[in-house]
N, C-alpha and C. Protein backbone atom coordinates (compact mmCIF):
# COMPACT_ATOMS: atom_id res chain seq x y z
N MET A 1 98.11 106.23 116.54
CA MET A 1 97.68 107.36 115.84
C MET A 1 98.87 108.12 115.51
N LEU A 2 98.69 108.61 113.99
CA LEU A 2 99.81 109.31 113.46
C LEU A 2 99.05 110.45 112.84
N GLU A 3 99.95 111.82 113.05
CA GLU A 3 99.71 112.83 112.29
C GLU A 3 100.95 113.22 111.27
N ILE A 4 100.59 113.51 110.05
CA ILE A 4 101.21 113.61 109.20
C ILE A 4 101.32 114.85 108.29
N SER A 5 102.26 115.68 108.35
CA SER A 5 102.34 116.97 107.68
C SER A 5 103.32 116.94 106.31
N ASN A 6 102.99 117.61 105.41
CA ASN A 6 104.13 117.52 104.33
C ASN A 6 104.01 119.12 103.89
N LYS A 7 105.38 119.30 103.19
CA LYS A 7 105.75 120.65 102.98
C LYS A 7 106.30 120.36 101.55
N LEU A 8 105.97 121.03 100.21
CA LEU A 8 106.33 120.94 98.86
C LEU A 8 107.20 122.14 98.72
N GLU A 9 108.40 121.83 98.55
CA GLU A 9 109.49 123.24 97.98
C GLU A 9 109.91 123.06 96.64
N GLY A 10 109.36 123.67 95.67
CA GLY A 10 109.97 122.80 94.33
C GLY A 10 109.97 121.35 94.19
N SER A 11 110.91 120.76 94.02
CA SER A 11 110.72 119.15 93.43
C SER A 11 111.24 118.27 95.05
N LYS A 12 111.30 119.23 95.93
CA LYS A 12 111.58 118.50 97.61
C LYS A 12 110.48 118.27 98.19
N LEU A 13 109.85 117.10 98.56
CA LEU A 13 108.80 117.07 99.68
C LEU A 13 109.25 116.51 100.95
N GLU A 14 108.67 116.94 101.95
CA GLU A 14 109.27 116.48 103.29
C GLU A 14 107.74 116.51 104.10
N PHE A 15 107.88 115.19 104.54
CA PHE A 15 106.69 114.62 105.78
C PHE A 15 107.46 114.69 107.12
N LYS A 16 106.56 115.19 107.90
CA LYS A 16 106.85 115.18 109.42
C LYS A 16 105.89 114.28 109.92
N LEU A 17 106.47 113.47 110.62
CA LEU A 17 105.52 112.36 111.40
C LEU A 17 105.52 112.29 112.60
N ASN A 18 104.49 112.35 113.28
CA ASN A 18 104.12 112.57 114.58
C ASN A 18 103.38 111.62 115.23
N GLY A 19 103.75 110.86 116.17
CA GLY A 19 103.12 109.38 116.56
C GLY A 19 103.69 107.98 116.16
N ARG A 20 102.81 107.15 115.75
CA ARG A 20 103.02 105.78 115.55
C ARG A 20 102.79 105.27 114.07
N LEU A 21 103.87 104.76 113.44
CA LEU A 21 103.69 104.40 112.24
C LEU A 21 103.65 102.59 112.23
N ASP A 22 102.39 102.30 112.13
CA ASP A 22 102.19 100.83 112.49
C ASP A 22 101.12 100.36 111.56
N THR A 23 100.61 99.31 111.95
CA THR A 23 99.89 98.70 110.65
C THR A 23 98.49 99.53 110.59
N ILE A 24 97.90 100.02 111.13
CA ILE A 24 96.73 101.00 111.12
C ILE A 24 97.16 102.02 110.19
N THR A 25 98.15 102.83 110.44
CA THR A 25 98.59 104.12 110.08
C THR A 25 99.27 104.14 109.00
N ALA A 26 100.02 102.89 108.63
CA ALA A 26 100.82 102.69 107.28
C ALA A 26 100.27 103.23 106.09
N PRO A 27 98.77 102.64 105.94
CA PRO A 27 97.93 102.92 104.63
C PRO A 27 98.02 104.55 104.49
N GLN A 28 97.74 104.97 105.76
CA GLN A 28 97.55 106.48 105.70
C GLN A 28 98.97 107.56 105.03
N LEU A 29 99.96 106.81 105.44
CA LEU A 29 101.28 107.46 105.13
C LEU A 29 101.42 107.05 103.31
N GLU A 30 101.25 105.71 103.12
CA GLU A 30 101.31 105.34 101.65
C GLU A 30 100.56 106.33 100.53
N GLU A 31 99.25 106.49 101.47
CA GLU A 31 98.13 107.33 100.26
C GLU A 31 98.75 108.74 100.23
N GLU A 32 99.38 109.16 101.52
CA GLU A 32 99.95 110.67 101.08
C GLU A 32 100.95 110.64 100.39
N ILE A 33 102.00 109.73 100.37
CA ILE A 33 103.15 109.66 99.31
C ILE A 33 102.75 109.39 97.92
N LYS A 34 101.84 108.79 97.70
CA LYS A 34 101.07 108.51 96.49
C LYS A 34 100.57 109.70 95.75
N ASP A 35 99.90 110.45 96.64
CA ASP A 35 99.10 111.50 96.27
C ASP A 35 100.10 112.67 95.85
N ASN A 36 101.16 112.76 96.41
CA ASN A 36 101.88 114.05 96.33
C ASN A 36 103.38 113.83 96.03
N ILE A 37 103.66 112.58 95.45
CA ILE A 37 105.21 112.23 94.95
C ILE A 37 105.55 112.85 93.57
N GLY A 38 104.63 112.99 92.89
CA GLY A 38 104.87 113.18 91.45
C GLY A 38 105.41 114.47 91.03
N GLY A 39 106.38 114.29 90.35
CA GLY A 39 107.57 115.47 90.09
C GLY A 39 108.59 115.72 91.17
N VAL A 40 108.72 114.91 92.00
CA VAL A 40 109.61 114.88 93.25
C VAL A 40 110.75 114.45 93.14
N SER A 41 112.05 115.09 93.53
CA SER A 41 113.19 114.29 93.20
C SER A 41 113.67 114.14 94.57
N GLU A 42 113.49 115.13 95.49
CA GLU A 42 114.09 114.84 96.82
C GLU A 42 112.80 114.56 97.90
N LEU A 43 112.98 113.26 98.55
CA LEU A 43 111.88 113.31 99.48
C LEU A 43 112.66 113.18 100.74
N VAL A 44 111.93 113.61 101.65
CA VAL A 44 112.47 113.75 103.22
C VAL A 44 111.31 113.45 104.21
N PHE A 45 111.99 112.37 105.00
CA PHE A 45 110.69 112.17 106.35
C PHE A 45 111.80 112.50 107.36
N ASP A 46 110.94 113.32 108.22
CA ASP A 46 111.44 114.17 109.34
C ASP A 46 110.61 113.01 110.50
N PHE A 47 111.77 112.12 111.46
CA PHE A 47 110.97 111.63 112.45
C PHE A 47 111.13 112.26 113.89
N SER A 48 111.54 113.09 113.97
CA SER A 48 111.64 113.79 115.54
C SER A 48 110.54 113.44 116.26
N ASP A 49 109.37 113.35 115.82
CA ASP A 49 108.22 113.28 116.49
C ASP A 49 107.48 111.71 116.39
N LEU A 50 108.04 110.67 115.72
CA LEU A 50 107.98 109.53 115.43
C LEU A 50 108.14 108.71 116.72
N SER A 51 107.29 107.93 117.43
CA SER A 51 107.70 107.31 118.64
C SER A 51 107.86 105.82 118.15
N TYR A 52 107.46 105.39 117.01
CA TYR A 52 107.17 103.87 116.85
C TYR A 52 107.09 103.59 115.55
N ILE A 53 107.88 102.51 114.90
CA ILE A 53 107.83 101.91 113.67
C ILE A 53 107.42 100.76 113.28
N SER A 54 106.65 100.14 112.80
CA SER A 54 106.37 98.47 112.57
C SER A 54 106.96 98.16 111.50
N SER A 55 106.66 96.83 111.06
CA SER A 55 107.15 96.17 109.95
C SER A 55 106.19 96.61 108.75
N ALA A 56 105.00 97.01 109.05
CA ALA A 56 104.12 98.03 108.04
C ALA A 56 104.58 99.13 107.35
N GLY A 57 105.14 100.12 108.69
CA GLY A 57 105.64 101.17 108.39
C GLY A 57 106.97 100.97 107.60
N LEU A 58 107.77 99.96 107.67
CA LEU A 58 109.16 99.61 107.18
C LEU A 58 108.99 99.47 105.66
N ARG A 59 107.57 98.72 105.32
CA ARG A 59 107.44 98.36 104.08
C ARG A 59 107.26 99.96 103.22
N VAL A 60 106.41 100.55 103.87
CA VAL A 60 106.01 101.80 103.11
C VAL A 60 107.22 102.66 102.84
N LEU A 61 108.44 102.59 103.76
CA LEU A 61 109.67 103.27 103.62
C LEU A 61 110.36 102.52 102.57
N LEU A 62 110.32 101.63 102.38
CA LEU A 62 111.37 100.72 101.22
C LEU A 62 110.24 100.66 100.09
N SER A 63 109.18 101.02 99.75
CA SER A 63 108.38 101.19 98.69
C SER A 63 108.73 102.83 98.24
N ALA A 64 108.79 103.56 99.32
CA ALA A 64 109.26 104.93 98.93
C ALA A 64 110.59 105.04 98.35
N GLN A 65 111.63 104.14 98.95
CA GLN A 65 113.03 104.28 98.71
C GLN A 65 113.20 103.60 97.26
N LYS A 66 112.47 102.40 97.07
CA LYS A 66 112.45 101.93 95.39
C LYS A 66 112.02 103.17 94.57
N THR A 67 111.09 103.76 94.78
CA THR A 67 110.43 104.81 93.66
C THR A 67 111.41 105.85 93.56
N MET A 68 112.20 106.40 94.69
CA MET A 68 113.06 107.49 94.65
C MET A 68 114.30 106.95 94.28
N ASN A 69 114.63 105.90 94.04
CA ASN A 69 115.85 105.37 93.53
C ASN A 69 115.96 105.73 91.93
N GLN A 70 114.70 105.40 91.61
CA GLN A 70 114.69 105.97 90.27
C GLN A 70 114.24 107.18 90.04
N ASN A 71 113.72 108.03 90.68
CA ASN A 71 113.35 109.85 90.65
C ASN A 71 114.34 110.49 91.17
N GLY A 72 115.06 110.18 92.35
CA GLY A 72 116.11 110.87 92.69
C GLY A 72 116.78 110.38 94.25
N SER A 73 116.51 111.30 95.35
CA SER A 73 116.93 111.02 96.48
C SER A 73 115.84 110.92 97.80
N MET A 74 116.17 109.83 98.64
CA MET A 74 115.17 110.12 99.71
C MET A 74 116.04 109.90 101.19
N VAL A 75 115.57 110.96 102.25
CA VAL A 75 116.47 110.92 103.28
C VAL A 75 115.27 110.58 104.71
N VAL A 76 115.87 109.95 105.65
CA VAL A 76 115.12 110.02 106.89
C VAL A 76 116.23 110.95 107.91
N ARG A 77 115.38 111.68 108.68
CA ARG A 77 116.29 112.74 109.45
C ARG A 77 115.46 112.55 110.97
N ASN A 78 116.41 112.76 111.75
CA ASN A 78 115.91 112.77 113.36
C ASN A 78 115.37 111.50 113.80
N VAL A 79 115.98 110.66 113.42
CA VAL A 79 115.76 109.33 114.05
C VAL A 79 115.80 109.08 115.49
N SER A 80 115.14 108.42 116.37
CA SER A 80 115.19 108.28 117.64
C SER A 80 116.05 107.01 117.98
N GLU A 81 116.61 106.93 119.22
CA GLU A 81 117.69 105.64 119.29
C GLU A 81 116.59 104.35 119.04
N ALA A 82 115.14 104.39 119.48
CA ALA A 82 114.65 103.12 119.36
C ALA A 82 114.26 102.91 118.14
N ILE A 83 114.01 103.65 117.07
CA ILE A 83 113.78 103.55 115.84
C ILE A 83 114.91 103.17 115.02
N GLN A 84 116.10 103.87 115.50
CA GLN A 84 117.37 103.49 114.90
C GLN A 84 117.93 102.05 115.21
N GLU A 85 117.52 101.54 116.27
CA GLU A 85 117.69 100.26 116.65
C GLU A 85 116.87 99.34 115.71
N ILE A 86 116.02 99.62 115.56
CA ILE A 86 114.83 98.55 114.54
C ILE A 86 115.32 98.73 113.25
N PHE A 87 116.13 99.95 112.59
CA PHE A 87 116.86 100.23 111.52
C PHE A 87 118.20 99.15 111.36
N ASP A 88 118.57 99.12 112.36
CA ASP A 88 119.92 98.34 112.21
C ASP A 88 119.53 96.94 112.52
N VAL A 89 118.53 96.46 113.09
CA VAL A 89 118.20 95.04 113.21
C VAL A 89 117.71 94.35 111.99
N THR A 90 116.90 95.26 111.39
CA THR A 90 116.27 94.84 110.16
C THR A 90 116.99 94.97 109.02
N GLY A 91 118.23 95.68 108.96
CA GLY A 91 119.03 95.88 107.96
C GLY A 91 118.43 97.30 107.27
N PHE A 92 117.84 98.01 107.59
CA PHE A 92 117.12 99.26 106.75
C PHE A 92 118.29 100.11 107.06
N SER A 93 119.04 100.38 108.03
CA SER A 93 120.30 101.14 108.17
C SER A 93 121.13 101.22 106.84
N ASP A 94 121.16 99.84 106.27
CA ASP A 94 122.13 99.96 105.03
C ASP A 94 121.16 100.15 103.79
N ILE A 95 120.31 100.18 103.84
CA ILE A 95 119.07 100.57 102.51
C ILE A 95 118.68 102.15 102.54
N LEU A 96 118.58 102.60 103.78
CA LEU A 96 118.01 104.10 103.86
C LEU A 96 119.22 104.92 104.00
N THR A 97 118.78 106.30 103.77
CA THR A 97 120.02 107.14 104.08
C THR A 97 119.52 107.92 105.30
N ILE A 98 120.28 107.74 106.21
CA ILE A 98 119.76 108.47 107.68
C ILE A 98 120.42 109.63 107.92
N GLU A 99 119.99 110.48 108.43
CA GLU A 99 120.82 111.71 109.02
C GLU A 99 120.56 112.18 110.19
């Protein structure tokens, strides 16, 4: 299960994720991004309440990063140790801006 809340301030869009980003929930996040990303130049993901990310979740992040490479910047914040380890093992820590 994944709860997604978003906050748009000017051209900055922030997604706060709570739960698990996996094969079942990744399409939900993908749809939320697609529906809200128009005109956004700064995209922020708050992972403080995200407990798990699968390869499907990583794919959504990669797709968002590719879009934001052309339109502005993307940051992932408040990453747990377990998710940071996944980012390190998969090489995503080299692709994403993690704060």
